[in-house]
Amino acid sequence: MMAKPDFWEGGEAAQKILKERTSLLESLSPWQEEQKALEEMEILLQLVEEQGDEKEAQELLERVRRSEEAIDQIEFRRMLGGERDPSNAIVSINAGAGGTEAQDWVGMLLRMYLRWAEKKKFETKIIDILMGEEAGLKNVTFMVNGCYAYGYLKAESGIHRLVRISPFDAGARRHTSFASVFVIPEVSDDIVVAIDEKDLRVDTFRSSGAGGQHVNKTDSAVRITHLPTGIVVQCQNERSQHKNKATALKILRARLYEKEMKEKGEKLQELHNSKKEIAWGSQIRSYIMHPYKMVKDHRSNKVIHQVDRVMDGEIDELIRAYLLMAA
């Protein structure tokens, strides 16, 4: 076997440095572009003042508007300064109190987040899904791949409450439903999370998702239980059992990393008693569809009256308000 060259041991370190360099350049680039745009606007302003050209004045106003929007986005990104904020996100939504209503609510939230991701040009992939008996979903886990996906979506972790006239109630009565949203960052390969194979119980079963000739034909779905912690993850999206196991292990690594970070931060968390615990009865956001229409984030007190717009994926205002409050 050919011996590795002397510089090989520093290869991983070099790659890490190059990755950090790329990240810094990506952060600096928007500011440099706006600096250049400002210089061009100053020149245009001089021309407007000298010539009084109304057309050029309108162009200047339009450039100022675009620059304000760009700087606003840059400032928003600056709030996403957490170590794991640039990571992809793993999102789980689970039905709570409310039966079929709550399961339908999970489906509504899934659609909301998928539409939001689509608007952001993020890639999404459903990893595991369990359909409800009558309608909706009991739970679903999906990945959102994109720059700062976790930084944005961490604002969504908690209990989401829905109040509406039930489409499943013949008496057209008002119902309240709950669903929990849990968001963790995908763990990159450069972070070591030790997992002993002896600590894992791996079960296979047939996929329960809808559609496709492959579904329910082979035991391709995989469920992994981490015995020391009791953490259970599963994946049934891929046709290959091997791929499903690899994805499930990736989620397990992320869950274990998140658990470790949470334990390390418990003392710090005690200093922030104002933060609500993620538990039933302590919803972070309410979506009211009857008797009036309103979405209210109980942490930032941000209110939006266009519920349909929010449910169509326009949640940036709510995310921004929370991040500003947290910052």
Protein backbone atom coordinates (compact mmCIF):
# COMPACT_ATOMS: atom_id res chain seq x y z
CA MET A 1 0.00 0.00 0.00
CA MET A 2 1.32 3.41 -0.95
CA ALA A 3 2.32 5.57 2.02
CA LYS A 4 0.39 8.81 2.53
CA PRO A 5 2.41 11.97 1.74
CA ASP A 6 3.62 14.08 4.65
CA PHE A 7 1.13 16.85 3.94
CA TRP A 8 -1.84 14.46 4.12
CA GLU A 9 -2.29 14.82 7.90
CA GLY A 10 -2.90 18.51 7.43
CA GLY A 11 -5.41 17.90 4.64
CA GLU A 12 -8.49 17.96 6.88
CA ALA A 13 -7.30 21.10 8.66
CA ALA A 14 -6.69 22.79 5.32
CA GLN A 15 -10.18 21.88 4.13
CA LYS A 16 -11.66 23.33 7.31
CA ILE A 17 -9.74 26.59 6.80
CA LEU A 18 -10.89 26.79 3.18
CA LYS A 19 -14.48 26.22 4.30
CA GLU A 20 -14.21 29.02 6.88
CA ARG A 21 -12.64 31.28 4.25
CA THR A 22 -15.52 30.61 1.86
CA SER A 23 -18.04 31.36 4.61
CA LEU A 24 -16.33 34.67 5.43
CA LEU A 25 -16.20 35.69 1.78
CA GLU A 26 -19.91 34.91 1.42
CA SER A 27 -20.59 37.16 4.43
CA LEU A 28 -18.45 40.01 3.09
CA SER A 29 -19.66 39.88 -0.51
CA PRO A 30 -23.13 41.44 0.09
CA TRP A 31 -21.58 44.37 1.99
CA GLN A 32 -19.06 44.94 -0.79
CA GLU A 33 -21.83 44.92 -3.39
CA GLU A 34 -23.83 47.49 -1.42
CA GLN A 35 -20.73 49.66 -0.98
CA LYS A 36 -20.30 49.65 -4.75
CA ALA A 37 -24.01 50.42 -5.22
CA LEU A 38 -23.71 53.37 -2.79
CA GLU A 39 -20.82 54.85 -4.78
CA GLU A 40 -22.85 54.56 -8.00
CA MET A 41 -25.85 56.24 -6.33
CA GLU A 42 -23.66 59.13 -5.15
CA ILE A 43 -22.56 59.72 -8.76
CA LEU A 44 -26.17 59.48 -9.96
CA LEU A 45 -27.25 61.96 -7.26
CA GLN A 46 -24.71 64.49 -8.53
CA LEU A 47 -26.08 64.13 -12.06
CA VAL A 48 -29.65 64.59 -10.82
CA GLU A 49 -28.67 67.72 -8.89
CA GLU A 50 -26.79 69.18 -11.87
CA GLN A 51 -29.22 68.27 -14.66
CA GLY A 52 -32.55 67.95 -12.85
CA ASP A 53 -33.47 64.94 -14.99
CA GLU A 54 -36.75 63.49 -13.65
CA LYS A 55 -36.13 60.07 -15.23
CA GLU A 56 -32.74 59.77 -13.54
CA ALA A 57 -34.30 60.95 -10.26
CA GLN A 58 -36.83 58.09 -10.46
CA GLU A 59 -34.02 55.63 -11.18
CA LEU A 60 -32.13 56.92 -8.14
CA LEU A 61 -35.18 56.44 -5.90
CA GLU A 62 -35.60 52.89 -7.21
CA ARG A 63 -31.93 52.11 -6.53
CA VAL A 64 -32.25 53.49 -2.99
CA ARG A 65 -35.31 51.27 -2.41
CA ARG A 66 -33.49 48.15 -3.65
CA SER A 67 -30.44 48.99 -1.55
CA GLU A 68 -32.57 49.44 1.59
CA GLU A 69 -34.13 46.01 1.01
CA ALA A 70 -30.71 44.42 0.47
CA ILE A 71 -29.24 46.00 3.61
CA ASP A 72 -32.32 44.91 5.57
CA GLN A 73 -31.66 41.32 4.48
CA ILE A 74 -27.98 41.62 5.41
CA GLU A 75 -28.90 42.89 8.87
CA PHE A 76 -31.34 40.00 9.22
CA ARG A 77 -28.57 37.55 8.36
CA ARG A 78 -26.35 39.21 10.98
CA MET A 79 -28.83 38.11 13.65
CA LEU A 80 -28.19 34.52 12.61
CA GLY A 81 -24.83 34.38 14.33
CA GLY A 82 -25.20 31.07 16.15
CA GLU A 83 -22.59 28.39 15.56
CA ARG A 84 -25.09 26.03 13.91
CA ASP A 85 -27.29 28.67 12.26
CA PRO A 86 -25.83 28.15 8.75
CA SER A 87 -26.70 24.43 8.89
CA ASN A 88 -29.46 22.53 7.16
CA ALA A 89 -32.48 21.85 9.36
CA ILE A 90 -34.28 18.68 10.43
CA VAL A 91 -37.91 19.43 11.30
CA SER A 92 -40.39 17.16 13.08
CA ILE A 93 -44.10 17.98 13.47
CA ASN A 94 -46.25 15.91 15.84
CA ALA A 95 -49.99 16.01 16.45
CA GLY A 96 -51.05 16.90 19.99
CA ALA A 97 -54.41 17.29 21.67
CA GLY A 98 -57.31 17.39 19.23
CA GLY A 99 -57.54 13.99 17.50
CA THR A 100 -58.33 14.20 13.78
CA GLU A 101 -58.32 17.99 14.05
CA ALA A 102 -54.73 17.99 15.35
CA GLN A 103 -53.64 15.55 12.64
CA ASP A 104 -55.13 17.82 9.98
CA TRP A 105 -53.29 20.71 11.64
CA VAL A 106 -49.97 18.84 11.21
CA GLY A 107 -50.70 18.57 7.48
CA MET A 108 -51.46 22.29 7.32
CA LEU A 109 -48.21 23.18 9.08
CA LEU A 110 -46.24 20.87 6.79
CA ARG A 111 -47.68 22.63 3.75
CA MET A 112 -46.87 26.03 5.30
CA TYR A 113 -43.21 25.13 5.84
CA LEU A 114 -42.83 23.49 2.42
CA ARG A 115 -44.26 26.61 0.75
CA TRP A 116 -41.93 28.81 2.82
CA ALA A 117 -38.93 26.71 1.80
CA GLU A 118 -40.00 26.86 -1.83
CA LYS A 119 -40.12 30.66 -1.69
CA LYS A 120 -36.61 30.62 -0.17
CA LYS A 121 -35.43 28.25 -2.93
CA PHE A 122 -34.47 25.69 -0.25
CA GLU A 123 -34.59 21.99 -1.02
CA THR A 124 -36.90 19.82 1.10
CA LYS A 125 -37.10 16.07 1.56
CA ILE A 126 -39.65 14.15 3.63
CA ILE A 127 -37.83 11.48 5.64
CA ASP A 128 -40.62 9.88 7.65
CA ILE A 129 -44.38 10.29 7.62
CA LEU A 130 -47.27 8.63 9.45
CA MET A 131 -50.74 9.25 8.04
CA GLY A 132 -53.77 9.86 10.24
CA GLU A 133 -56.64 7.37 10.32
CA GLU A 134 -59.22 9.80 8.91
CA ALA A 135 -57.25 12.81 7.70
CA GLY A 136 -53.97 14.64 8.06
CA LEU A 137 -50.78 13.31 9.60
CA LYS A 138 -49.91 11.95 13.03
CA ASN A 139 -46.29 13.04 12.57
CA VAL A 140 -43.81 13.92 9.86
CA THR A 141 -40.07 14.52 9.72
CA PHE A 142 -38.43 16.36 6.85
CA MET A 143 -35.12 18.01 5.98
CA VAL A 144 -34.66 21.56 4.73
CA ASN A 145 -31.39 22.06 2.84
CA GLY A 146 -30.25 25.62 2.35
CA CYS A 147 -27.95 28.29 3.74
CA TYR A 148 -29.15 29.30 7.24
CA ALA A 149 -32.13 26.94 7.09
CA TYR A 150 -31.68 26.08 10.78
CA GLY A 151 -31.03 29.72 11.70
CA TYR A 152 -34.44 30.65 10.33
CA LEU A 153 -36.43 27.62 11.40
CA LYS A 154 -35.15 27.45 14.98
CA ALA A 155 -37.70 30.21 15.61
CA GLU A 156 -40.45 27.65 14.90
CA SER A 157 -39.63 25.17 17.69
CA GLY A 158 -42.51 24.91 20.14
CA ILE A 159 -46.25 24.40 20.35
CA HIS A 160 -48.48 25.79 17.59
CA ARG A 161 -52.18 26.31 18.42
CA LEU A 162 -55.03 26.41 15.91
CA VAL A 163 -58.55 27.73 16.57
CA ARG A 164 -61.15 27.27 13.81
CA ILE A 165 -64.57 25.91 12.88
CA SER A 166 -63.94 22.22 12.42
CA PRO A 167 -64.50 20.83 8.90
CA PHE A 168 -64.86 17.42 10.58
CA ASP A 169 -67.66 18.47 12.95
CA ALA A 170 -71.19 18.14 11.57
CA GLY A 171 -72.28 20.70 14.14
CA ALA A 172 -69.79 23.27 12.79
CA ARG A 173 -68.41 23.94 16.26
CA ARG A 174 -65.19 25.74 17.08
CA HIS A 175 -62.22 23.48 17.90
CA THR A 176 -58.76 24.10 19.32
CA SER A 177 -55.89 21.90 18.12
CA PHE A 178 -52.21 21.66 19.00
CA ALA A 179 -49.10 20.45 17.18
CA SER A 180 -45.48 20.49 18.30
CA VAL A 181 -42.66 21.55 15.99
CA PHE A 182 -39.13 20.39 16.83
CA VAL A 183 -36.18 21.76 14.82
CA ILE A 184 -32.55 20.62 15.08
CA PRO A 185 -29.51 21.40 12.93
CA GLU A 186 -28.02 18.76 10.67
CA VAL A 187 -24.63 17.80 12.07
CA SER A 188 -21.79 18.29 9.60
CA ASP A 189 -19.22 15.56 9.02
CA ASP A 190 -16.47 17.55 10.79
CA ILE A 191 -18.30 17.18 14.13
CA VAL A 192 -17.57 13.89 15.84
CA VAL A 193 -20.54 12.20 17.52
CA ALA A 194 -19.48 8.82 18.89
CA ILE A 195 -22.09 6.10 18.37
CA ASP A 196 -21.37 2.53 19.48
CA GLU A 197 -23.09 -0.07 17.29
CA LYS A 198 -23.73 -2.11 20.46
CA ASP A 199 -25.94 0.72 21.71
CA LEU A 200 -28.24 0.53 18.69
CA ARG A 201 -31.30 -1.60 18.02
CA VAL A 202 -32.14 -1.60 14.34
CA ASP A 203 -35.62 -2.70 13.21
CA THR A 204 -36.90 -2.90 9.66
CA PHE A 205 -40.51 -2.67 8.54
CA ARG A 206 -42.59 -1.96 5.47
CA SER A 207 -43.06 1.64 4.38
CA SER A 208 -46.47 3.07 5.22
CA GLY A 209 -46.40 6.09 2.93
CA ALA A 210 -48.95 6.54 0.17
CA GLY A 211 -48.30 5.82 -3.52
CA GLY A 212 -45.68 4.03 -5.55
CA GLN A 213 -45.31 0.40 -6.55
CA HIS A 214 -42.50 -0.10 -4.06
CA VAL A 215 -44.46 0.91 -0.95
CA ASN A 216 -45.46 -1.99 1.33
CA LYS A 217 -43.64 -4.52 -0.87
CA THR A 218 -40.33 -4.82 1.00
CA ASP A 219 -39.04 -4.16 4.52
CA SER A 220 -37.05 -1.11 3.41
CA ALA A 221 -38.04 1.26 6.21
CA VAL A 222 -35.62 1.47 9.14
CA ARG A 223 -36.15 2.34 12.80
CA ILE A 224 -33.11 2.88 15.04
CA THR A 225 -33.33 2.99 18.82
CA HIS A 226 -30.39 4.42 20.77
CA LEU A 227 -30.62 2.28 23.91
CA PRO A 228 -28.68 4.52 26.38
CA THR A 229 -30.86 7.58 25.68
CA GLY A 230 -34.06 6.00 24.37
CA ILE A 231 -33.96 8.24 21.29
CA VAL A 232 -35.86 6.65 18.38
CA VAL A 233 -35.47 7.75 14.77
CA GLN A 234 -36.81 6.21 11.60
CA CYS A 235 -36.71 6.73 7.84
CA GLN A 236 -38.90 5.23 5.14
CA ASN A 237 -38.46 7.68 2.28
CA GLU A 238 -35.88 5.78 0.21
CA ARG A 239 -36.42 2.52 -1.65
CA SER A 240 -33.13 1.17 -0.36
CA GLN A 241 -32.92 -0.10 3.22
CA HIS A 242 -29.24 0.90 3.20
CA LYS A 243 -30.07 4.51 2.29
CA ASN A 244 -32.84 4.67 4.87
CA LYS A 245 -30.45 3.45 7.55
CA ALA A 246 -27.82 6.02 6.53
CA THR A 247 -30.41 8.83 6.75
CA ALA A 248 -31.71 7.56 10.10
CA LEU A 249 -28.15 7.50 11.48
CA LYS A 250 -27.65 11.08 10.26
CA ILE A 251 -30.75 12.17 12.18
CA LEU A 252 -29.63 10.21 15.24
CA ARG A 253 -26.25 11.99 15.18
CA ALA A 254 -28.07 15.32 15.05
CA ARG A 255 -30.40 14.35 17.92
CA LEU A 256 -27.50 13.18 20.10
CA TYR A 257 -25.51 16.33 19.33
CA GLU A 258 -28.51 18.49 20.17
CA LYS A 259 -29.02 16.58 23.42
CA GLU A 260 -25.39 17.10 24.41
CA MET A 261 -25.56 20.83 23.62
CA LYS A 262 -28.80 21.14 25.59
CA GLU A 263 -27.26 19.47 28.64
CA LYS A 264 -24.23 21.74 28.46
CA GLY A 265 -26.47 24.78 28.26
CA GLU A 266 -28.81 23.89 31.12
CA LYS A 267 -27.08 26.22 33.57
CA LEU A 268 -27.23 29.06 31.06
CA GLN A 269 -30.88 28.28 30.39
CA GLU A 270 -31.69 28.77 34.07
CA LEU A 271 -30.63 32.40 33.67
CA HIS A 272 -33.32 32.87 31.02
CA ASN A 273 -36.41 31.99 33.03
CA SER A 274 -38.55 34.09 30.73
CA LYS A 275 -38.19 31.50 27.99
CA LYS A 276 -41.15 29.14 27.81
CA GLU A 277 -40.63 25.42 28.04
CA ILE A 278 -41.69 23.49 24.96
CA ALA A 279 -44.66 21.66 26.48
CA TRP A 280 -48.41 21.43 26.01
CA GLY A 281 -50.19 24.51 27.26
CA SER A 282 -47.27 26.85 26.55
CA GLN A 283 -47.85 27.55 22.87
CA ILE A 284 -45.44 29.89 21.11
CA ARG A 285 -47.94 30.91 18.44
CA SER A 286 -51.71 30.94 17.89
CA TYR A 287 -53.46 30.79 14.53
CA ILE A 288 -57.03 32.06 14.95
CA MET A 289 -59.45 31.45 12.06
CA HIS A 290 -62.70 31.99 13.98
CA PRO A 291 -64.39 34.21 15.20
CA TYR A 292 -61.74 36.57 13.75
CA LYS A 293 -58.56 36.03 11.73
CA MET A 294 -55.22 36.55 13.39
CA VAL A 295 -51.82 34.94 13.85
CA LYS A 296 -50.03 35.95 17.03
CA ASP A 297 -46.55 34.98 18.19
CA HIS A 298 -46.74 34.96 21.99
CA ARG A 299 -42.98 35.46 22.41
CA SER A 300 -42.55 38.60 20.31
CA ASN A 301 -46.23 39.72 20.36
CA LYS A 302 -46.05 40.06 16.58
CA VAL A 303 -49.56 39.97 15.07
CA ILE A 304 -50.54 39.32 11.44
CA HIS A 305 -54.20 39.49 10.44
CA GLN A 306 -53.84 37.82 7.03
CA VAL A 307 -53.97 34.19 8.22
CA ASP A 308 -54.21 32.80 4.69
CA ARG A 309 -51.00 34.58 3.73
CA VAL A 310 -49.17 33.02 6.69
CA MET A 311 -50.52 29.55 5.92
CA ASP A 312 -49.28 30.01 2.36
CA GLY A 313 -45.72 30.17 3.68
CA GLU A 314 -45.20 33.88 4.34
CA ILE A 315 -43.79 33.53 7.86
CA ASP A 316 -40.64 35.67 7.54
CA GLU A 317 -42.22 38.53 9.52
CA LEU A 318 -42.89 36.19 12.44
CA ILE A 319 -39.41 34.66 12.26
CA ARG A 320 -37.77 38.08 12.05
CA ALA A 321 -39.73 39.44 15.03
CA TYR A 322 -38.68 36.47 17.16
CA LEU A 323 -35.01 36.70 16.15
CA LEU A 324 -34.96 40.44 16.89
CA MET A 325 -36.45 39.78 20.32
CA ALA A 326 -33.99 36.95 20.99
CA ALA A 327 -31.06 39.11 19.89
